[in-house]
PDB file of N, CA and C in Angstrom:
ATOM      1  N   MET A   1       0.840  -1.179   0.011  1.00  0.00           N
ATOM      2  CA  MET A   1      -0.034   0.022   0.002  1.00  0.00           C
ATOM      3  C   MET A   1       0.870   1.206   0.031  1.00  0.00           C
ATOM      4  N   LYS A   2       0.701   2.050  -0.955  1.00  0.00           N
ATOM      5  CA  LYS A   2       1.455   3.283  -1.016  1.00  0.00           C
ATOM      6  C   LYS A   2       0.638   4.444  -0.451  1.00  0.00           C
ATOM      7  N   HIS A   3       1.185   5.159   0.436  1.00  0.00           N
ATOM      8  CA  HIS A   3       0.409   6.190   1.104  1.00  0.00           C
ATOM      9  C   HIS A   3       0.566   7.483   0.326  1.00  0.00           C
ATOM     10  N   ALA A   4      -0.480   8.163   0.209  1.00  0.00           N
ATOM     11  CA  ALA A   4      -0.488   9.465  -0.546  1.00  0.00           C
ATOM     12  C   ALA A   4      -0.310  10.620   0.330  1.00  0.00           C
ATOM     13  N   ASN A   5      -0.655  10.480   1.638  1.00  0.00           N
ATOM     14  CA  ASN A   5      -0.508  11.590   2.603  1.00  0.00           C
ATOM     15  C   ASN A   5      -0.229  11.022   3.986  1.00  0.00           C
ATOM     16  N   PHE A   6       0.791  11.543   4.566  1.00  0.00           N
ATOM     17  CA  PHE A   6       1.150  11.165   5.923  1.00  0.00           C
ATOM     18  C   PHE A   6       1.494  12.338   6.723  1.00  0.00           C
ATOM     19  N   ARG A   7       0.870  12.575   7.828  1.00  0.00           N
ATOM     20  CA  ARG A   7       1.237  13.715   8.647  1.00  0.00           C
ATOM     21  C   ARG A   7       1.023  13.322  10.094  1.00  0.00           C
ATOM     22  N   THR A   8       1.649  14.068  10.988  1.00  0.00           N
ATOM     23  CA  THR A   8       1.479  13.799  12.430  1.00  0.00           C
ATOM     24  C   THR A   8       0.985  15.140  13.031  1.00  0.00           C
ATOM     25  N   ASP A   9       0.123  14.981  13.957  1.00  0.00           N
ATOM     26  CA  ASP A   9      -0.398  16.166  14.679  1.00  0.00           C
ATOM     27  C   ASP A   9       0.567  16.414  15.845  1.00  0.00           C
ATOM     28  N   HIS A  10       1.462  17.309  15.709  1.00  0.00           N
ATOM     29  CA  HIS A  10       2.590  17.525  16.607  1.00  0.00           C
ATOM     30  C   HIS A  10       2.278  17.610  18.123  1.00  0.00           C
ATOM     31  N   PRO A  11       1.180  18.293  18.512  1.00  0.00           N
ATOM     32  CA  PRO A  11       0.947  18.328  19.981  1.00  0.00           C
ATOM     33  C   PRO A  11       0.708  17.001  20.591  1.00  0.00           C
ATOM     34  N   THR A  12       0.107  16.069  19.821  1.00  0.00           N
ATOM     35  CA  THR A  12      -0.203  14.764  20.383  1.00  0.00           C
ATOM     36  C   THR A  12       0.596  13.649  19.779  1.00  0.00           C
ATOM     37  N   GLN A  13       1.236  13.897  18.628  1.00  0.00           N
ATOM     38  CA  GLN A  13       1.983  12.934  17.819  1.00  0.00           C
ATOM     39  C   GLN A  13       1.097  11.829  17.263  1.00  0.00           C
ATOM     40  N   ASP A  14      -0.209  12.146  17.164  1.00  0.00           N
ATOM     41  CA  ASP A  14      -1.140  11.240  16.430  1.00  0.00           C
ATOM     42  C   ASP A  14      -0.780  11.288  14.932  1.00  0.00           C
ATOM     43  N   MET A  15      -1.070  10.106  14.297  1.00  0.00           N
ATOM     44  CA  MET A  15      -0.771   9.995  12.882  1.00  0.00           C
ATOM     45  C   MET A  15      -2.005   9.956  12.096  1.00  0.00           C
ATOM     46  N   ILE A  16      -2.019  10.608  10.950  1.00  0.00           N
ATOM     47  CA  ILE A  16      -3.132  10.604   9.964  1.00  0.00           C
ATOM     48  C   ILE A  16      -2.548  10.163   8.656  1.00  0.00           C
ATOM     49  N   ILE A  17      -3.062   8.999   8.140  1.00  0.00           N
ATOM     50  CA  ILE A  17      -2.526   8.464   6.889  1.00  0.00           C
ATOM     51  C   ILE A  17      -3.670   8.309   5.918  1.00  0.00           C
ATOM     52  N   THR A  18      -3.422   8.742   4.681  1.00  0.00           N
ATOM     53  CA  THR A  18      -4.336   8.547   3.569  1.00  0.00           C
ATOM     54  C   THR A  18      -3.575   7.963   2.417  1.00  0.00           C
ATOM     55  N   ASP A  19      -4.118   6.849   1.833  1.00  0.00           N
ATOM     56  CA  ASP A  19      -3.379   6.205   0.715  1.00  0.00           C
ATOM     57  C   ASP A  19      -4.031   6.579  -0.601  1.00  0.00           C
ATOM     58  N   ASP A  20      -3.425   6.090  -1.676  1.00  0.00           N
ATOM     59  CA  ASP A  20      -3.889   6.412  -3.019  1.00  0.00           C
ATOM     60  C   ASP A  20      -5.238   5.709  -3.395  1.00  0.00           C
ATOM     61  N   PHE A  21      -5.718   4.815  -2.578  1.00  0.00           N
ATOM     62  CA  PHE A  21      -7.010   4.145  -2.811  1.00  0.00           C
ATOM     63  C   PHE A  21      -8.129   4.826  -2.074  1.00  0.00           C
ATOM     64  N   GLY A  22      -7.824   5.988  -1.349  1.00  0.00           N
ATOM     65  CA  GLY A  22      -8.856   6.695  -0.644  1.00  0.00           C
ATOM     66  C   GLY A  22      -9.158   6.216   0.757  1.00  0.00           C
ATOM     67  N   GLN A  23      -8.267   5.304   1.248  1.00  0.00           N
ATOM     68  CA  GLN A  23      -8.376   4.828   2.570  1.00  0.00           C
ATOM     69  C   GLN A  23      -7.770   5.862   3.589  1.00  0.00           C
ATOM     70  N   HIS A  24      -8.323   5.968   4.724  1.00  0.00           N
ATOM     71  CA  HIS A  24      -7.903   6.981   5.635  1.00  0.00           C
ATOM     72  C   HIS A  24      -7.777   6.343   7.011  1.00  0.00           C
ATOM     73  N   ALA A  25      -6.672   6.602   7.739  1.00  0.00           N
ATOM     74  CA  ALA A  25      -6.459   6.068   9.044  1.00  0.00           C
ATOM     75  C   ALA A  25      -5.983   7.144   9.957  1.00  0.00           C
ATOM     76  N   GLU A  26      -6.525   7.198  11.121  1.00  0.00           N
ATOM     77  CA  GLU A  26      -6.063   8.088  12.232  1.00  0.00           C
ATOM     78  C   GLU A  26      -5.697   7.212  13.361  1.00  0.00           C
ATOM     79  N   ILE A  27      -4.427   7.273  13.722  1.00  0.00           N
ATOM     80  CA  ILE A  27      -3.887   6.398  14.771  1.00  0.00           C
ATOM     81  C   ILE A  27      -3.450   7.304  15.950  1.00  0.00           C
ATOM     82  N   ARG A  28      -4.000   6.987  17.081  1.00  0.00           N
ATOM     83  CA  ARG A  28      -3.628   7.770  18.296  1.00  0.00           C
ATOM     84  C   ARG A  28      -2.309   7.281  18.764  1.00  0.00           C
ATOM     85  N   SER A  29      -1.406   8.141  19.181  1.00  0.00           N
ATOM     86  CA  SER A  29      -0.048   7.765  19.639  1.00  0.00           C
ATOM     87  C   SER A  29      -0.115   6.939  20.872  1.00  0.00           C
ATOM     88  N   THR A  30      -1.156   7.071  21.720  1.00  0.00           N
ATOM     89  CA  THR A  30      -1.244   6.283  22.937  1.00  0.00           C
ATOM     90  C   THR A  30      -1.497   4.838  22.638  1.00  0.00           C
ATOM     91  N   SER A  31      -1.962   4.514  21.440  1.00  0.00           N
ATOM     92  CA  SER A  31      -2.300   3.148  21.087  1.00  0.00           C
ATOM     93  C   SER A  31      -1.164   2.495  20.370  1.00  0.00           C
ATOM     94  N   ILE A  32       0.009   3.141  20.189  1.00  0.00           N
ATOM     95  CA  ILE A  32       1.159   2.585  19.493  1.00  0.00           C
ATOM     96  C   ILE A  32       2.080   2.038  20.582  1.00  0.00           C
ATOM     97  N   HIS A  33       2.369   0.736  20.447  1.00  0.00           N
ATOM     98  CA  HIS A  33       3.273   0.082  21.414  1.00  0.00           C
ATOM     99  C   HIS A  33       4.299  -0.679  20.624  1.00  0.00           C
ATOM    100  N   GLY A  34       5.448  -0.855  21.108  1.00  0.00           N
ATOM    101  CA  GLY A  34       6.493  -1.633  20.511  1.00  0.00           C
ATOM    102  C   GLY A  34       6.962  -2.787  21.302  1.00  0.00           C
ATOM    103  N   ILE A  35       7.457  -3.844  20.669  1.00  0.00           N
ATOM    104  CA  ILE A  35       7.944  -4.989  21.340  1.00  0.00           C
ATOM    105  C   ILE A  35       9.091  -5.523  20.522  1.00  0.00           C
ATOM    106  N   MET A  36      10.096  -6.038  21.114  1.00  0.00           N
ATOM    107  CA  MET A  36      11.169  -6.699  20.382  1.00  0.00           C
ATOM    108  C   MET A  36      11.315  -8.139  20.871  1.00  0.00           C
ATOM    109  N   ILE A  37      11.338  -9.076  19.959  1.00  0.00           N
ATOM    110  CA  ILE A  37      11.461 -10.418  20.333  1.00  0.00           C
ATOM    111  C   ILE A  37      12.783 -10.923  19.670  1.00  0.00           C
ATOM    112  N   GLU A  38      13.649 -11.583  20.455  1.00  0.00           N
ATOM    113  CA  GLU A  38      14.895 -12.039  19.985  1.00  0.00           C
ATOM    114  C   GLU A  38      14.978 -13.561  20.015  1.00  0.00           C
ATOM    115  N   ASN A  39      15.392 -14.169  18.941  1.00  0.00           N
ATOM    116  CA  ASN A  39      15.598 -15.650  18.904  1.00  0.00           C
ATOM    117  C   ASN A  39      16.979 -15.926  19.476  1.00  0.00           C
ATOM    118  N   LEU A  40      17.054 -16.390  20.733  1.00  0.00           N
ATOM    119  CA  LEU A  40      18.299 -16.585  21.365  1.00  0.00           C
ATOM    120  C   LEU A  40      19.193 -17.644  20.706  1.00  0.00           C
ATOM    121  N   ASP A  41      18.577 -18.668  20.110  1.00  0.00           N
ATOM    122  CA  ASP A  41      19.381 -19.642  19.435  1.00  0.00           C
ATOM    123  C   ASP A  41      20.122 -18.975  18.216  1.00  0.00           C
ATOM    124  N   GLU A  42      19.361 -18.156  17.471  1.00  0.00           N
ATOM    125  CA  GLU A  42      19.978 -17.517  16.317  1.00  0.00           C
ATOM    126  C   GLU A  42      21.040 -16.497  16.798  1.00  0.00           C
ATOM    127  N   THR A  43      20.750 -15.816  17.902  1.00  0.00           N
ATOM    128  CA  THR A  43      21.708 -14.853  18.441  1.00  0.00           C
ATOM    129  C   THR A  43      22.992 -15.536  18.846  1.00  0.00           C
ATOM    130  N   LYS A  44      22.848 -16.763  19.460  1.00  0.00           N
ATOM    131  CA  LYS A  44      24.050 -17.474  19.833  1.00  0.00           C
ATOM    132  C   LYS A  44      24.821 -17.890  18.589  1.00  0.00           C
ATOM    133  N   LEU A  45      24.189 -18.366  17.548  1.00  0.00           N
ATOM    134  CA  LEU A  45      24.925 -18.686  16.314  1.00  0.00           C
ATOM    135  C   LEU A  45      25.631 -17.493  15.690  1.00  0.00           C
ATOM    136  N   VAL A  46      24.971 -16.296  15.775  1.00  0.00           N
ATOM    137  CA  VAL A  46      25.631 -15.124  15.214  1.00  0.00           C
ATOM    138  C   VAL A  46      26.874 -14.734  16.020  1.00  0.00           C
ATOM    139  N   ALA A  47      26.804 -14.904  17.376  1.00  0.00           N
ATOM    140  CA  ALA A  47      27.950 -14.593  18.216  1.00  0.00           C
ATOM    141  C   ALA A  47      29.113 -15.585  17.913  1.00  0.00           C
ATOM    142  N   ILE A  48      28.776 -16.800  17.683  1.00  0.00           N
ATOM    143  CA  ILE A  48      29.774 -17.831  17.377  1.00  0.00           C
ATOM    144  C   ILE A  48      30.455 -17.531  16.005  1.00  0.00           C
ATOM    145  N   GLU A  49      29.631 -17.177  15.016  1.00  0.00           N
ATOM    146  CA  GLU A  49      30.143 -16.820  13.674  1.00  0.00           C
ATOM    147  C   GLU A  49      31.032 -15.599  13.755  1.00  0.00           C
ATOM    148  N   MET A  50      30.669 -14.625  14.571  1.00  0.00           N
ATOM    149  CA  MET A  50      31.511 -13.421  14.680  1.00  0.00           C
ATOM    150  C   MET A  50      32.832 -13.758  15.353  1.00  0.00           C
ATOM    151  N   MET A  51      32.847 -14.616  16.363  1.00  0.00           N
ATOM    152  CA  MET A  51      34.128 -15.020  16.999  1.00  0.00           C
ATOM    153  C   MET A  51      34.989 -15.769  16.008  1.00  0.00           C
ATOM    154  N   LEU A  52      34.381 -16.698  15.277  1.00  0.00           N
ATOM    155  CA  LEU A  52      35.176 -17.449  14.277  1.00  0.00           C
ATOM    156  C   LEU A  52      35.728 -16.530  13.164  1.00  0.00           C
ATOM    157  N   HIS A  53      34.940 -15.580  12.769  1.00  0.00           N
ATOM    158  CA  HIS A  53      35.403 -14.617  11.770  1.00  0.00           C
ATOM    159  C   HIS A  53      36.566 -13.805  12.309  1.00  0.00           C
ATOM    160  N   ASP A  54      36.505 -13.435  13.577  1.00  0.00           N
ATOM    161  CA  ASP A  54      37.592 -12.647  14.215  1.00  0.00           C
ATOM    162  C   ASP A  54      38.817 -13.485  14.274  1.00  0.00           C
ATOM    163  N   ALA A  55      38.690 -14.793  14.649  1.00  0.00           N
ATOM    164  CA  ALA A  55      39.823 -15.695  14.762  1.00  0.00           C
ATOM    165  C   ALA A  55      40.476 -15.835  13.369  1.00  0.00           C
ATOM    166  N   ARG A  56      39.652 -15.953  12.271  1.00  0.00           N
ATOM    167  CA  ARG A  56      40.231 -16.081  10.968  1.00  0.00           C
ATOM    168  C   ARG A  56      40.962 -14.865  10.594  1.00  0.00           C
ATOM    169  N   ILE A  57      40.423 -13.701  10.926  1.00  0.00           N
ATOM    170  CA  ILE A  57      41.119 -12.443  10.611  1.00  0.00           C
ATOM    171  C   ILE A  57      42.497 -12.387  11.317  1.00  0.00           C
ATOM    172  N   ARG A  58      42.510 -12.718  12.601  1.00  0.00           N
ATOM    173  CA  ARG A  58      43.809 -12.703  13.363  1.00  0.00           C
ATOM    174  C   ARG A  58      44.755 -13.732  12.753  1.00  0.00           C
ATOM    175  N   ALA A  59      44.327 -14.906  12.388  1.00  0.00           N
ATOM    176  CA  ALA A  59      45.222 -15.902  11.778  1.00  0.00           C
ATOM    177  C   ALA A  59      45.772 -15.416  10.445  1.00  0.00           C
ATOM    178  N   THR A  60      44.955 -14.809   9.623  1.00  0.00           N
ATOM    179  CA  THR A  60      45.380 -14.260   8.341  1.00  0.00           C
ATOM    180  C   THR A  60      46.412 -13.140   8.567  1.00  0.00           C
ATOM    181  N   ALA A  61      46.069 -12.260   9.458  1.00  0.00           N
ATOM    182  CA  ALA A  61      47.048 -11.186   9.791  1.00  0.00           C
ATOM    183  C   ALA A  61      48.344 -11.735  10.301  1.00  0.00           C
ATOM    184  N   GLN A  62      48.346 -12.759  11.143  1.00  0.00           N
ATOM    185  CA  GLN A  62      49.558 -13.322  11.624  1.00  0.00           C
ATOM    186  C   GLN A  62      50.365 -13.967  10.503  1.00  0.00           C
ATOM    187  N   GLN A  63      49.729 -14.671   9.597  1.00  0.00           N
ATOM    188  CA  GLN A  63      50.413 -15.260   8.434  1.00  0.00           C
ATOM    189  C   GLN A  63      51.019 -14.156   7.604  1.00  0.00           C
ATOM    190  N   ARG A  64      50.297 -13.096   7.319  1.00  0.00           N
ATOM    191  CA  ARG A  64      50.862 -12.007   6.545  1.00  0.00           C
ATOM    192  C   ARG A  64      52.049 -11.299   7.185  1.00  0.00           C
ATOM    193  N   ALA A  65      51.935 -11.203   8.561  1.00  0.00           N
ATOM    194  CA  ALA A  65      53.057 -10.578   9.331  1.00  0.00           C
ATOM    195  C   ALA A  65      54.302 -11.411   9.279  1.00  0.00           C
ATOM    196  N   GLN A  66      54.121 -12.764   9.285  1.00  0.00           N
ATOM    197  CA  GLN A  66      55.295 -13.669   9.217  1.00  0.00           C
ATOM    198  C   GLN A  66      55.949 -13.628   7.867  1.00  0.00           C
ATOM    199  N   SER A  67      55.190 -13.362   6.822  1.00  0.00           N
ATOM    200  CA  SER A  67      55.756 -13.355   5.508  1.00  0.00           C
ATOM    201  C   SER A  67      56.233 -11.985   5.009  1.00  0.00           C
ATOM    202  N   ASP A  68      55.972 -10.940   5.848  1.00  0.00           N
ATOM    203  CA  ASP A  68      56.366  -9.528   5.543  1.00  0.00           C
ATOM    204  C   ASP A  68      57.809  -9.327   5.914  1.00  0.00           C
ATOM    205  N   THR A  69      58.656  -8.999   4.939  1.00  0.00           N
ATOM    206  CA  THR A  69      60.083  -8.853   5.203  1.00  0.00           C
ATOM    207  C   THR A  69      60.383  -7.722   6.144  1.00  0.00           C
ATOM    208  N   GLN A  70      59.694  -6.572   6.063  1.00  0.00           N
ATOM    209  CA  GLN A  70      59.933  -5.491   6.953  1.00  0.00           C
ATOM    210  C   GLN A  70      59.588  -5.871   8.376  1.00  0.00           C
ATOM    211  N   LEU A  71      58.527  -6.549   8.587  1.00  0.00           N
ATOM    212  CA  LEU A  71      58.117  -6.934   9.934  1.00  0.00           C
ATOM    213  C   LEU A  71      59.088  -7.967  10.524  1.00  0.00           C
ATOM    214  N   ARG A  72      59.514  -8.900   9.688  1.00  0.00           N
ATOM    215  CA  ARG A  72      60.531  -9.885  10.144  1.00  0.00           C
ATOM    216  C   ARG A  72      61.779  -9.231  10.527  1.00  0.00           C
ATOM    217  N   ALA A  73      62.236  -8.203   9.846  1.00  0.00           N
ATOM    218  CA  ALA A  73      63.490  -7.536  10.221  1.00  0.00           C
ATOM    219  C   ALA A  73      63.342  -6.829  11.550  1.00  0.00           C
ATOM    220  N   THR A  74      62.171  -6.280  11.793  1.00  0.00           N
ATOM    221  CA  THR A  74      62.048  -5.596  13.094  1.00  0.00           C
ATOM    222  C   THR A  74      61.901  -6.561  14.217  1.00  0.00           C
ATOM    223  N   GLN A  75      61.395  -7.746  13.982  1.00  0.00           N
ATOM    224  CA  GLN A  75      61.214  -8.705  15.024  1.00  0.00           C
ATOM    225  C   GLN A  75      62.572  -9.317  15.487  1.00  0.00           C
ATOM    226  N   ARG A  76      63.526  -9.287  14.569  1.00  0.00           N
ATOM    227  CA  ARG A  76      64.882  -9.750  14.993  1.00  0.00           C
ATOM    228  C   ARG A  76      65.548  -8.813  15.910  1.00  0.00           C
ATOM    229  N   GLY A  77      65.101  -7.581  15.884  1.00  0.00           N
ATOM    230  CA  GLY A  77      65.709  -6.545  16.765  1.00  0.00           C
ATOM    231  C   GLY A  77      66.904  -5.924  16.208  1.00  0.00           C
ATOM    232  N   PRO A  78      67.376  -4.843  16.765  1.00  0.00           N
ATOM    233  CA  PRO A  78      68.529  -4.202  16.213  1.00  0.00           C
ATOM    234  C   PRO A  78      69.792  -4.978  16.498  1.00  0.00           C
ATOM    235  N   SER A  79      70.760  -4.801  15.686  1.00  0.00           N
ATOM    236  CA  SER A  79      72.111  -5.456  15.847  1.00  0.00           C
ATOM    237  C   SER A  79      72.767  -4.859  17.071  1.00  0.00           C
ATOM    238  N   VAL A  80      73.372  -5.677  17.880  1.00  0.00           N
ATOM    239  CA  VAL A  80      74.039  -5.172  19.090  1.00  0.00           C
ATOM    240  C   VAL A  80      75.593  -5.503  18.959  1.00  0.00           C
ATOM    241  N   LEU A  81      76.359  -4.460  19.057  1.00  0.00           N
ATOM    242  CA  LEU A  81      77.817  -4.643  18.943  1.00  0.00           C
ATOM    243  C   LEU A  81      78.324  -4.831  20.400  1.00  0.00           C
ATOM    244  N   THR A  82      79.135  -5.835  20.527  1.00  0.00           N
ATOM    245  CA  THR A  82      79.739  -6.011  21.868  1.00  0.00           C
ATOM    246  C   THR A  82      81.228  -5.585  21.804  1.00  0.00           C
ATOM    247  N   PRO A  83      81.733  -4.917  22.826  1.00  0.00           N
ATOM    248  CA  PRO A  83      83.097  -4.552  22.796  1.00  0.00           C
ATOM    249  C   PRO A  83      84.023  -5.785  22.831  1.00  0.00           C
ATOM    250  N   LEU A  84      85.109  -5.610  22.200  1.00  0.00           N
ATOM    251  CA  LEU A  84      86.173  -6.661  22.166  1.00  0.00           C
ATOM    252  C   LEU A  84      85.623  -8.018  21.681  1.00  0.00           C
ATOM    253  N   GLY A  85      84.791  -7.987  20.699  1.00  0.00           N
ATOM    254  CA  GLY A  85      84.301  -9.226  20.129  1.00  0.00           C
ATOM    255  C   GLY A  85      83.541 -10.124  21.059  1.00  0.00           C
ATOM    256  N   GLY A  86      82.958  -9.585  22.050  1.00  0.00           N
ATOM    257  CA  GLY A  86      82.193 -10.410  22.966  1.00  0.00           C
ATOM    258  C   GLY A  86      82.968 -11.077  24.095  1.00  0.00           C
ATOM    259  N   MET A  87      84.208 -10.742  24.284  1.00  0.00           N
ATOM    260  CA  MET A  87      85.006 -11.292  25.351  1.00  0.00           C
ATOM    261  C   MET A  87      84.681 -10.646  26.694  1.00  0.00           C
ATOM    262  N   ASN A  88      84.582 -11.360  27.735  1.00  0.00           N
ATOM    263  CA  ASN A  88      84.199 -10.849  29.004  1.00  0.00           C
ATOM    264  C   ASN A  88      85.383 -10.152  29.637  1.00  0.00           C
ATOM    265  N   GLY A  89      85.359  -8.782  29.584  1.00  0.00           N
ATOM    266  CA  GLY A  89      86.335  -7.991  30.293  1.00  0.00           C
ATOM    267  C   GLY A  89      87.733  -8.077  29.755  1.00  0.00           C
ATOM    268  N   GLY A  90      87.917  -8.766  28.725  1.00  0.00           N
ATOM    269  CA  GLY A  90      89.220  -8.886  28.438  1.00  0.00           C
ATOM    270  C   GLY A  90      90.129  -9.045  27.410  1.00  0.00           C
TER     271      GLY A  90
END
């Protein structure tokens, strides 16, 4: 149904709707109620899928970091020069 006219009466927030078939509705804002129903089984599956997706992203990022030459060079750390070729004191 396509509506031709929709307006609200601002002091009360009542709705007046007229469609292109000549139907007319006036809905009082006090009679509008909302409810949200959640399917907990589906919500659980979505949470699991999100965790698996996050784990896949972390695994892919780790693989790319291991194959990145710049990152591997920084993981080795800076070269350290020891005095006297590494001899202890002497």
